[in-house]
PDB file of N, CA and C in Angstrom:
ATOM      1  N   MET A   1      44.832 130.501 -97.315  1.00  0.00           N
ATOM      2  CA  MET A   1      45.757 130.383 -98.409  1.00  0.00           C
ATOM      3  C   MET A   1      47.163 130.734 -97.897  1.00  0.00           C
ATOM      4  N   PRO A   2      48.117 129.823 -98.041  1.00  0.00           N
ATOM      5  CA  PRO A   2      49.458 130.096 -97.526  1.00  0.00           C
ATOM      6  C   PRO A   2      50.148 131.185 -98.344  1.00  0.00           C
ATOM      7  N   THR A   3      50.952 131.948 -97.639  1.00  0.00           N
ATOM      8  CA  THR A   3      51.707 132.995 -98.324  1.00  0.00           C
ATOM      9  C   THR A   3      52.853 132.366 -99.102  1.00  0.00           C
ATOM     10  N   ARG A   4      53.404 133.132-100.000  1.00  0.00           N
ATOM     11  CA  ARG A   4      54.509 132.631-100.801  1.00  0.00           C
ATOM     12  C   ARG A   4      55.717 132.288 -99.933  1.00  0.00           C
ATOM     13  N   LEU A   5      55.952 133.084 -98.891  1.00  0.00           N
ATOM     14  CA  LEU A   5      57.067 132.824 -97.984  1.00  0.00           C
ATOM     15  C   LEU A   5      56.877 131.505 -97.248  1.00  0.00           C
ATOM     16  N   ALA A   6      55.644 131.201 -96.879  1.00  0.00           N
ATOM     17  CA  ALA A   6      55.368 129.968 -96.134  1.00  0.00           C
ATOM     18  C   ALA A   6      55.575 128.721 -96.983  1.00  0.00           C
ATOM     19  N   THR A   7      55.522 128.860 -98.287  1.00  0.00           N
ATOM     20  CA  THR A   7      55.693 127.696 -99.157  1.00  0.00           C
ATOM     21  C   THR A   7      57.154 127.399 -99.479  1.00  0.00           C
ATOM     22  N   LEU A   8      58.053 128.281 -99.089  1.00  0.00           N
ATOM     23  CA  LEU A   8      59.477 128.074 -99.352  1.00  0.00           C
ATOM     24  C   LEU A   8      60.057 127.031 -98.395  1.00  0.00           C
ATOM     25  N   PRO A   9      61.145 126.387 -98.792  1.00  0.00           N
ATOM     26  CA  PRO A   9      61.818 125.469 -97.868  1.00  0.00           C
ATOM     27  C   PRO A   9      62.304 126.234 -96.627  1.00  0.00           C
ATOM     28  N   PRO A  10      62.358 125.565 -95.472  1.00  0.00           N
ATOM     29  CA  PRO A  10      62.745 126.258 -94.226  1.00  0.00           C
ATOM     30  C   PRO A  10      64.092 126.976 -94.310  1.00  0.00           C
ATOM     31  N   ALA A  11      65.078 126.369 -94.960  1.00  0.00           N
ATOM     32  CA  ALA A  11      66.398 127.019 -95.054  1.00  0.00           C
ATOM     33  C   ALA A  11      66.311 128.311 -95.860  1.00  0.00           C
ATOM     34  N   THR A  12      65.592 128.291 -96.947  1.00  0.00           N
ATOM     35  CA  THR A  12      65.431 129.488 -97.770  1.00  0.00           C
ATOM     36  C   THR A  12      64.649 130.550 -97.013  1.00  0.00           C
ATOM     37  N   ARG A  13      63.613 130.127 -96.313  1.00  0.00           N
ATOM     38  CA  ARG A  13      62.806 131.066 -95.529  1.00  0.00           C
ATOM     39  C   ARG A  13      63.671 131.730 -94.457  1.00  0.00           C
ATOM     40  N   ARG A  14      64.534 130.944 -93.790  1.00  0.00           N
ATOM     41  CA  ARG A  14      65.407 131.498 -92.758  1.00  0.00           C
ATOM     42  C   ARG A  14      66.363 132.530 -93.354  1.00  0.00           C
ATOM     43  N   LEU A  15      66.920 132.228 -94.530  1.00  0.00           N
ATOM     44  CA  LEU A  15      67.830 133.178 -95.170  1.00  0.00           C
ATOM     45  C   LEU A  15      67.119 134.475 -95.530  1.00  0.00           C
ATOM     46  N   LEU A  16      65.909 134.384 -96.058  1.00  0.00           N
ATOM     47  CA  LEU A  16      65.168 135.588 -96.443  1.00  0.00           C
ATOM     48  C   LEU A  16      64.751 136.416 -95.233  1.00  0.00           C
ATOM     49  N   ILE A  17      64.319 135.751 -94.188  1.00  0.00           N
ATOM     50  CA  ILE A  17      63.929 136.486 -92.974  1.00  0.00           C
ATOM     51  C   ILE A  17      65.147 137.152 -92.351  1.00  0.00           C
ATOM     52  N   THR A  18      66.265 136.434 -92.312  1.00  0.00           N
ATOM     53  CA  THR A  18      67.497 137.020 -91.775  1.00  0.00           C
ATOM     54  C   THR A  18      67.918 138.222 -92.606  1.00  0.00           C
ATOM     55  N   TRP A  19      67.842 138.091 -93.930  1.00  0.00           N
ATOM     56  CA  TRP A  19      68.194 139.209 -94.803  1.00  0.00           C
ATOM     57  C   TRP A  19      67.312 140.419 -94.509  1.00  0.00           C
ATOM     58  N   ALA A  20      66.013 140.207 -94.356  1.00  0.00           N
ATOM     59  CA  ALA A  20      65.088 141.312 -94.077  1.00  0.00           C
ATOM     60  C   ALA A  20      65.408 141.978 -92.734  1.00  0.00           C
ATOM     61  N   VAL A  21      65.718 141.168 -91.726  1.00  0.00           N
ATOM     62  CA  VAL A  21      66.080 141.726 -90.413  1.00  0.00           C
ATOM     63  C   VAL A  21      67.373 142.533 -90.510  1.00  0.00           C
ATOM     64  N   LEU A  22      68.349 142.013 -91.237  1.00  0.00           N
ATOM     65  CA  LEU A  22      69.615 142.736 -91.403  1.00  0.00           C
ATOM     66  C   LEU A  22      69.399 144.060 -92.130  1.00  0.00           C
ATOM     67  N   MET A  23      68.530 144.074 -93.128  1.00  0.00           N
ATOM     68  CA  MET A  23      68.248 145.321 -93.843  1.00  0.00           C
ATOM     69  C   MET A  23      67.547 146.322 -92.914  1.00  0.00           C
ATOM     70  N   GLY A  24      66.620 145.828 -92.100  1.00  0.00           N
ATOM     71  CA  GLY A  24      65.957 146.704 -91.137  1.00  0.00           C
ATOM     72  C   GLY A  24      66.937 147.292 -90.134  1.00  0.00           C
ATOM     73  N   LEU A  25      67.854 146.471 -89.655  1.00  0.00           N
ATOM     74  CA  LEU A  25      68.861 146.974 -88.719  1.00  0.00           C
ATOM     75  C   LEU A  25      69.827 147.946 -89.384  1.00  0.00           C
ATOM     76  N   THR A  26      70.078 147.760 -90.662  1.00  0.00           N
ATOM     77  CA  THR A  26      70.906 148.716 -91.390  1.00  0.00           C
ATOM     78  C   THR A  26      70.226 150.078 -91.431  1.00  0.00           C
ATOM     79  N   LEU A  27      68.909 150.088 -91.623  1.00  0.00           N
ATOM     80  CA  LEU A  27      68.170 151.353 -91.595  1.00  0.00           C
ATOM     81  C   LEU A  27      68.224 151.991 -90.208  1.00  0.00           C
ATOM     82  N   VAL A  28      68.077 151.172 -89.164  1.00  0.00           N
ATOM     83  CA  VAL A  28      68.186 151.691 -87.790  1.00  0.00           C
ATOM     84  C   VAL A  28      69.565 152.297 -87.580  1.00  0.00           C
ATOM     85  N   THR A  29      70.592 151.622 -88.065  1.00  0.00           N
ATOM     86  CA  THR A  29      71.958 152.118 -87.931  1.00  0.00           C
ATOM     87  C   THR A  29      72.128 153.443 -88.662  1.00  0.00           C
ATOM     88  N   MET A  30      71.583 153.536 -89.860  1.00  0.00           N
ATOM     89  CA  MET A  30      71.707 154.775 -90.633  1.00  0.00           C
ATOM     90  C   MET A  30      71.026 155.945 -89.920  1.00  0.00           C
ATOM     91  N   PHE A  31      69.829 155.721 -89.419  1.00  0.00           N
ATOM     92  CA  PHE A  31      69.127 156.802 -88.729  1.00  0.00           C
ATOM     93  C   PHE A  31      69.811 157.150 -87.411  1.00  0.00           C
ATOM     94  N   SER A  32      70.326 156.153 -86.726  1.00  0.00           N
ATOM     95  CA  SER A  32      71.016 156.389 -85.467  1.00  0.00           C
ATOM     96  C   SER A  32      72.300 157.174 -85.681  1.00  0.00           C
ATOM     97  N   ALA A  33      72.945 156.963 -86.822  1.00  0.00           N
ATOM     98  CA  ALA A  33      74.201 157.659 -87.103  1.00  0.00           C
ATOM     99  C   ALA A  33      73.980 159.099 -87.560  1.00  0.00           C
ATOM    100  N   GLN A  34      72.730 159.495 -87.693  1.00  0.00           N
ATOM    101  CA  GLN A  34      72.392 160.869 -88.059  1.00  0.00           C
ATOM    102  C   GLN A  34      73.088 161.272 -89.351  1.00  0.00           C
ATOM    103  N   LEU A  35      72.887 160.479 -90.389  1.00  0.00           N
ATOM    104  CA  LEU A  35      73.533 160.759 -91.662  1.00  0.00           C
ATOM    105  C   LEU A  35      72.959 162.011 -92.300  1.00  0.00           C
ATOM    106  N   GLY A  36      73.823 162.755 -92.954  1.00  0.00           N
ATOM    107  CA  GLY A  36      73.391 163.927 -93.708  1.00  0.00           C
ATOM    108  C   GLY A  36      73.450 165.216 -92.910  1.00  0.00           C
ATOM    109  N   GLY A  37      73.469 166.317 -93.612  1.00  0.00           N
ATOM    110  CA  GLY A  37      73.436 167.641 -93.002  1.00  0.00           C
ATOM    111  C   GLY A  37      74.675 167.946 -92.178  1.00  0.00           C
ATOM    112  N   ASP A  38      74.501 168.811 -91.195  1.00  0.00           N
ATOM    113  CA  ASP A  38      75.608 169.214 -90.332  1.00  0.00           C
ATOM    114  C   ASP A  38      75.991 168.140 -89.322  1.00  0.00           C
ATOM    115  N   ALA A  39      75.145 167.132 -89.159  1.00  0.00           N
ATOM    116  CA  ALA A  39      75.427 166.088 -88.165  1.00  0.00           C
ATOM    117  C   ALA A  39      76.678 165.297 -88.530  1.00  0.00           C
ATOM    118  N   ARG A  40      77.072 165.309 -89.806  1.00  0.00           N
ATOM    119  CA  ARG A  40      78.265 164.562 -90.214  1.00  0.00           C
ATOM    120  C   ARG A  40      79.518 165.098 -89.551  1.00  0.00           C
ATOM    121  N   LEU A  41      79.509 166.345 -89.140  1.00  0.00           N
ATOM    122  CA  LEU A  41      80.702 166.978 -88.575  1.00  0.00           C
ATOM    123  C   LEU A  41      80.787 166.835 -87.069  1.00  0.00           C
ATOM    124  N   GLN A  42      79.794 166.232 -86.448  1.00  0.00           N
ATOM    125  CA  GLN A  42      79.762 166.111 -84.995  1.00  0.00           C
ATOM    126  C   GLN A  42      79.937 164.659 -84.578  1.00  0.00           C
ATOM    127  N   ALA A  43      80.483 164.486 -83.379  1.00  0.00           N
ATOM    128  CA  ALA A  43      80.604 163.134 -82.824  1.00  0.00           C
ATOM    129  C   ALA A  43      79.215 162.621 -82.457  1.00  0.00           C
ATOM    130  N   LEU A  44      79.044 161.326 -82.566  1.00  0.00           N
ATOM    131  CA  LEU A  44      77.757 160.724 -82.205  1.00  0.00           C
ATOM    132  C   LEU A  44      77.549 160.791 -80.702  1.00  0.00           C
ATOM    133  N   PRO A  45      76.322 160.994 -80.250  1.00  0.00           N
ATOM    134  CA  PRO A  45      76.051 160.897 -78.817  1.00  0.00           C
ATOM    135  C   PRO A  45      76.282 159.465 -78.342  1.00  0.00           C
ATOM    136  N   LEU A  46      76.484 159.303 -77.064  1.00  0.00           N
ATOM    137  CA  LEU A  46      76.793 157.994 -76.494  1.00  0.00           C
ATOM    138  C   LEU A  46      75.682 156.984 -76.789  1.00  0.00           C
ATOM    139  N   TRP A  47      74.417 157.394 -76.691  1.00  0.00           N
ATOM    140  CA  TRP A  47      73.309 156.455 -76.945  1.00  0.00           C
ATOM    141  C   TRP A  47      73.325 155.977 -78.393  1.00  0.00           C
ATOM    142  N   SER A  48      73.673 156.879 -79.305  1.00  0.00           N
ATOM    143  CA  SER A  48      73.710 156.516 -80.714  1.00  0.00           C
ATOM    144  C   SER A  48      74.851 155.542 -81.008  1.00  0.00           C
ATOM    145  N   ALA A  49      76.006 155.807 -80.437  1.00  0.00           N
ATOM    146  CA  ALA A  49      77.142 154.898 -80.620  1.00  0.00           C
ATOM    147  C   ALA A  49      76.840 153.536 -80.009  1.00  0.00           C
ATOM    148  N   GLY A  50      76.194 153.528 -78.850  1.00  0.00           N
ATOM    149  CA  GLY A  50      75.810 152.260 -78.225  1.00  0.00           C
ATOM    150  C   GLY A  50      74.821 151.485 -79.073  1.00  0.00           C
ATOM    151  N   LEU A  51      73.854 152.190 -79.645  1.00  0.00           N
ATOM    152  CA  LEU A  51      72.880 151.541 -80.527  1.00  0.00           C
ATOM    153  C   LEU A  51      73.550 150.985 -81.776  1.00  0.00           C
ATOM    154  N   LEU A  52      74.503 151.727 -82.312  1.00  0.00           N
ATOM    155  CA  LEU A  52      75.248 151.256 -83.480  1.00  0.00           C
ATOM    156  C   LEU A  52      76.017 149.968 -83.165  1.00  0.00           C
ATOM    157  N   LEU A  53      76.700 149.951 -82.024  1.00  0.00           N
ATOM    158  CA  LEU A  53      77.477 148.766 -81.663  1.00  0.00           C
ATOM    159  C   LEU A  53      76.572 147.576 -81.353  1.00  0.00           C
ATOM    160  N   LEU A  54      75.460 147.824 -80.698  1.00  0.00           N
ATOM    161  CA  LEU A  54      74.522 146.747 -80.397  1.00  0.00           C
ATOM    162  C   LEU A  54      73.928 146.176 -81.684  1.00  0.00           C
ATOM    163  N   SER A  55      73.551 147.053 -82.585  1.00  0.00           N
ATOM    164  CA  SER A  55      73.017 146.610 -83.871  1.00  0.00           C
ATOM    165  C   SER A  55      74.073 145.842 -84.657  1.00  0.00           C
ATOM    166  N   THR A  56      75.294 146.324 -84.642  1.00  0.00           N
ATOM    167  CA  THR A  56      76.388 145.657 -85.342  1.00  0.00           C
ATOM    168  C   THR A  56      76.658 144.285 -84.752  1.00  0.00           C
ATOM    169  N   ALA A  57      76.615 144.175 -83.427  1.00  0.00           N
ATOM    170  CA  ALA A  57      76.838 142.877 -82.784  1.00  0.00           C
ATOM    171  C   ALA A  57      75.763 141.877 -83.191  1.00  0.00           C
ATOM    172  N   PHE A  58      74.513 142.318 -83.195  1.00  0.00           N
ATOM    173  CA  PHE A  58      73.432 141.417 -83.579  1.00  0.00           C
ATOM    174  C   PHE A  58      73.558 141.009 -85.042  1.00  0.00           C
ATOM    175  N   LYS A  59      73.882 141.976 -85.899  1.00  0.00           N
ATOM    176  CA  LYS A  59      74.029 141.673 -87.322  1.00  0.00           C
ATOM    177  C   LYS A  59      75.179 140.693 -87.555  1.00  0.00           C
ATOM    178  N   ALA A  60      76.297 140.910 -86.885  1.00  0.00           N
ATOM    179  CA  ALA A  60      77.436 139.999 -87.037  1.00  0.00           C
ATOM    180  C   ALA A  60      77.071 138.603 -86.564  1.00  0.00           C
ATOM    181  N   HIS A  61      76.334 138.525 -85.466  1.00  0.00           N
ATOM    182  CA  HIS A  61      75.902 137.223 -84.947  1.00  0.00           C
ATOM    183  C   HIS A  61      75.011 136.509 -85.964  1.00  0.00           C
ATOM    184  N   GLN A  62      74.089 137.235 -86.566  1.00  0.00           N
ATOM    185  CA  GLN A  62      73.197 136.630 -87.549  1.00  0.00           C
ATOM    186  C   GLN A  62      73.954 136.156 -88.787  1.00  0.00           C
ATOM    187  N   VAL A  63      74.913 136.949 -89.231  1.00  0.00           N
ATOM    188  CA  VAL A  63      75.705 136.543 -90.397  1.00  0.00           C
ATOM    189  C   VAL A  63      76.515 135.294 -90.062  1.00  0.00           C
ATOM    190  N   LEU A  64      77.115 135.259 -88.888  1.00  0.00           N
ATOM    191  CA  LEU A  64      77.907 134.090 -88.496  1.00  0.00           C
ATOM    192  C   LEU A  64      77.034 132.840 -88.395  1.00  0.00           C
ATOM    193  N   MET A  65      75.906 132.958 -87.742  1.00  0.00           N
ATOM    194  CA  MET A  65      75.072 131.787 -87.503  1.00  0.00           C
ATOM    195  C   MET A  65      74.327 131.320 -88.756  1.00  0.00           C
ATOM    196  N   THR A  66      73.804 132.272 -89.527  1.00  0.00           N
ATOM    197  CA  THR A  66      72.953 131.907 -90.655  1.00  0.00           C
ATOM    198  C   THR A  66      73.734 131.714 -91.943  1.00  0.00           C
ATOM    199  N   TYR A  67      74.527 132.705 -92.311  1.00  0.00           N
ATOM    200  CA  TYR A  67      75.187 132.646 -93.615  1.00  0.00           C
ATOM    201  C   TYR A  67      76.486 131.850 -93.596  1.00  0.00           C
ATOM    202  N   LEU A  68      77.211 131.849 -92.493  1.00  0.00           N
ATOM    203  CA  LEU A  68      78.434 131.055 -92.415  1.00  0.00           C
ATOM    204  C   LEU A  68      78.184 129.669 -91.837  1.00  0.00           C
ATOM    205  N   GLY A  69      76.973 129.415 -91.386  1.00  0.00           N
ATOM    206  CA  GLY A  69      76.604 128.084 -90.927  1.00  0.00           C
ATOM    207  C   GLY A  69      77.165 127.693 -89.579  1.00  0.00           C
ATOM    208  N   LEU A  70      77.508 128.662 -88.743  1.00  0.00           N
ATOM    209  CA  LEU A  70      78.057 128.317 -87.433  1.00  0.00           C
ATOM    210  C   LEU A  70      76.997 127.775 -86.479  1.00  0.00           C
ATOM    211  N   ARG A  71      75.735 127.904 -86.851  1.00  0.00           N
ATOM    212  CA  ARG A  71      74.662 127.346 -86.029  1.00  0.00           C
ATOM    213  C   ARG A  71      74.838 125.825 -85.909  1.00  0.00           C
ATOM    214  N   ASP A  72      75.363 125.221 -86.972  1.00  0.00           N
ATOM    215  CA  ASP A  72      75.565 123.772 -86.994  1.00  0.00           C
ATOM    216  C   ASP A  72      76.985 123.358 -86.636  1.00  0.00           C
ATOM    217  N   ALA A  73      77.867 124.317 -86.373  1.00  0.00           N
ATOM    218  CA  ALA A  73      79.262 124.019 -86.053  1.00  0.00           C
ATOM    219  C   ALA A  73      79.413 123.690 -84.567  1.00  0.00           C
ATOM    220  N   SER A  74      80.597 123.254 -84.210  1.00  0.00           N
ATOM    221  CA  SER A  74      80.860 122.921 -82.811  1.00  0.00           C
ATOM    222  C   SER A  74      80.881 124.197 -81.959  1.00  0.00           C
ATOM    223  N   ALA A  75      80.733 123.995 -80.668  1.00  0.00           N
ATOM    224  CA  ALA A  75      80.719 125.130 -79.739  1.00  0.00           C
ATOM    225  C   ALA A  75      82.051 125.879 -79.765  1.00  0.00           C
ATOM    226  N   ALA A  76      83.136 125.162 -80.014  1.00  0.00           N
ATOM    227  CA  ALA A  76      84.453 125.810 -80.054  1.00  0.00           C
ATOM    228  C   ALA A  76      84.533 126.807 -81.218  1.00  0.00           C
ATOM    229  N   TRP A  77      84.044 126.419 -82.393  1.00  0.00           N
ATOM    230  CA  TRP A  77      84.054 127.327 -83.535  1.00  0.00           C
ATOM    231  C   TRP A  77      83.149 128.530 -83.287  1.00  0.00           C
ATOM    232  N   ARG A  78      81.941 128.271 -82.773  1.00  0.00           N
ATOM    233  CA  ARG A  78      81.022 129.383 -82.480  1.00  0.00           C
ATOM    234  C   ARG A  78      81.649 130.336 -81.469  1.00  0.00           C
ATOM    235  N   GLY A  79      82.208 129.775 -80.413  1.00  0.00           N
ATOM    236  CA  GLY A  79      82.816 130.608 -79.372  1.00  0.00           C
ATOM    237  C   GLY A  79      83.980 131.429 -79.891  1.00  0.00           C
ATOM    238  N   ALA A  80      84.803 130.820 -80.745  1.00  0.00           N
ATOM    239  CA  ALA A  80      85.954 131.545 -81.292  1.00  0.00           C
ATOM    240  C   ALA A  80      85.509 132.721 -82.147  1.00  0.00           C
ATOM    241  N   PHE A  81      84.561 132.492 -83.036  1.00  0.00           N
ATOM    242  CA  PHE A  81      84.120 133.578 -83.919  1.00  0.00           C
ATOM    243  C   PHE A  81      83.360 134.657 -83.151  1.00  0.00           C
ATOM    244  N   ILE A  82      82.509 134.251 -82.234  1.00  0.00           N
ATOM    245  CA  ILE A  82      81.774 135.249 -81.449  1.00  0.00           C
ATOM    246  C   ILE A  82      82.738 136.034 -80.570  1.00  0.00           C
ATOM    247  N   GLY A  83      83.724 135.347 -80.024  1.00  0.00           N
ATOM    248  CA  GLY A  83      84.741 136.034 -79.217  1.00  0.00           C
ATOM    249  C   GLY A  83      85.504 137.068 -80.034  1.00  0.00           C
ATOM    250  N   LEU A  84      85.858 136.732 -81.257  1.00  0.00           N
ATOM    251  CA  LEU A  84      86.564 137.686 -82.119  1.00  0.00           C
ATOM    252  C   LEU A  84      85.692 138.894 -82.461  1.00  0.00           C
ATOM    253  N   VAL A  85      84.410 138.648 -82.708  1.00  0.00           N
ATOM    254  CA  VAL A  85      83.501 139.762 -82.995  1.00  0.00           C
ATOM    255  C   VAL A  85      83.366 140.662 -81.765  1.00  0.00           C
ATOM    256  N   LEU A  86      83.190 140.063 -80.602  1.00  0.00           N
ATOM    257  CA  LEU A  86      83.067 140.864 -79.377  1.00  0.00           C
ATOM    258  C   LEU A  86      84.347 141.639 -79.086  1.00  0.00           C
ATOM    259  N   PHE A  87      85.493 141.013 -79.316  1.00  0.00           N
ATOM    260  CA  PHE A  87      86.766 141.697 -79.116  1.00  0.00           C
ATOM    261  C   PHE A  87      86.882 142.901 -80.051  1.00  0.00           C
ATOM    262  N   THR A  88      86.494 142.722 -81.302  1.00  0.00           N
ATOM    263  CA  THR A  88      86.538 143.820 -82.267  1.00  0.00           C
ATOM    264  C   THR A  88      85.608 144.952 -81.847  1.00  0.00           C
ATOM    265  N   LEU A  89      84.397 144.595 -81.425  1.00  0.00           N
ATOM    266  CA  LEU A  89      83.450 145.630 -80.983  1.00  0.00           C
ATOM    267  C   LEU A  89      83.946 146.338 -79.727  1.00  0.00           C
ATOM    268  N   LEU A  90      84.605 145.607 -78.850  1.00  0.00           N
ATOM    269  CA  LEU A  90      85.179 146.217 -77.645  1.00  0.00           C
ATOM    270  C   LEU A  90      86.284 147.202 -78.020  1.00  0.00           C
ATOM    271  N   LEU A  91      87.108 146.851 -78.995  1.00  0.00           N
ATOM    272  CA  LEU A  91      88.140 147.784 -79.467  1.00  0.00           C
ATOM    273  C   LEU A  91      87.516 149.053 -80.052  1.00  0.00           C
ATOM    274  N   VAL A  92      86.475 148.894 -80.839  1.00  0.00           N
ATOM    275  CA  VAL A  92      85.809 150.052 -81.440  1.00  0.00           C
ATOM    276  C   VAL A  92      85.191 150.928 -80.347  1.00  0.00           C
ATOM    277  N   ALA A  93      84.514 150.295 -79.392  1.00  0.00           N
ATOM    278  CA  ALA A  93      83.890 151.057 -78.298  1.00  0.00           C
ATOM    279  C   ALA A  93      84.948 151.773 -77.461  1.00  0.00           C
ATOM    280  N   SER A  94      86.061 151.109 -77.205  1.00  0.00           N
ATOM    281  CA  SER A  94      87.137 151.739 -76.444  1.00  0.00           C
ATOM    282  C   SER A  94      87.706 152.946 -77.178  1.00  0.00           C
ATOM    283  N   GLY A  95      87.920 152.798 -78.476  1.00  0.00           N
ATOM    284  CA  GLY A  95      88.411 153.923 -79.264  1.00  0.00           C
ATOM    285  C   GLY A  95      87.434 155.092 -79.262  1.00  0.00           C
ATOM    286  N   TYR A  96      86.142 154.790 -79.342  1.00  0.00           N
ATOM    287  CA  TYR A  96      85.132 155.841 -79.307  1.00  0.00           C
ATOM    288  C   TYR A  96      85.159 156.572 -77.954  1.00  0.00           C
ATOM    289  N   LEU A  97      85.204 155.795 -76.872  1.00  0.00           N
ATOM    290  CA  LEU A  97      85.210 156.401 -75.547  1.00  0.00           C
ATOM    291  C   LEU A  97      86.486 157.213 -75.304  1.00  0.00           C
ATOM    292  N   LEU A  98      87.616 156.710 -75.749  1.00  0.00           N
ATOM    293  CA  LEU A  98      88.864 157.478 -75.603  1.00  0.00           C
ATOM    294  C   LEU A  98      88.804 158.777 -76.384  1.00  0.00           C
ATOM    295  N   ALA A  99      88.233 158.735 -77.574  1.00  0.00           N
ATOM    296  CA  ALA A  99      88.098 159.961 -78.372  1.00  0.00           C
ATOM    297  C   ALA A  99      87.154 160.957 -77.683  1.00  0.00           C
ATOM    298  N   GLN A 100      86.092 160.449 -77.061  1.00  0.00           N
ATOM    299  CA  GLN A 100      85.156 161.339 -76.366  1.00  0.00           C
ATOM    300  C   GLN A 100      85.794 161.981 -75.143  1.00  0.00           C
ATOM    301  N   LEU A 101      86.562 161.185 -74.415  1.00  0.00           N
ATOM    302  CA  LEU A 101      87.197 161.716 -73.209  1.00  0.00           C
ATOM    303  C   LEU A 101      88.351 162.665 -73.541  1.00  0.00           C
ATOM    304  N   GLY A 102      89.051 162.377 -74.614  1.00  0.00           N
ATOM    305  CA  GLY A 102      90.189 163.196 -74.991  1.00  0.00           C
ATOM    306  C   GLY A 102      89.786 164.475 -75.707  1.00  0.00           C
ATOM    307  N   GLY A 103      88.580 164.502 -76.275  1.00  0.00           N
ATOM    308  CA  GLY A 103      88.169 165.669 -77.072  1.00  0.00           C
ATOM    309  C   GLY A 103      87.264 166.496 -76.341  1.00  0.00           C
TER     310      GLY A 103
END
């Protein structure tokens, strides 16, 4: 007997699966950021910040490809948007590393 998800159109199924993956990664991000308690007052360890940025990069890629439809766009559009996301993540990582070295 096919599951309810299997009976959905492929585009709808892709959107739902992507949404579920993004929600799972949001939970990973929350746990990695050590939310709550005294941890809010401390800087994140390097592994945690790296996991956050990696998760954010994957999530941004999924949103661009699935929800904005860049999967079907030209390579120039995909490259431009992915380049902007990577540049933004590089700026965030640089700021984090500078704060760690300076503090």
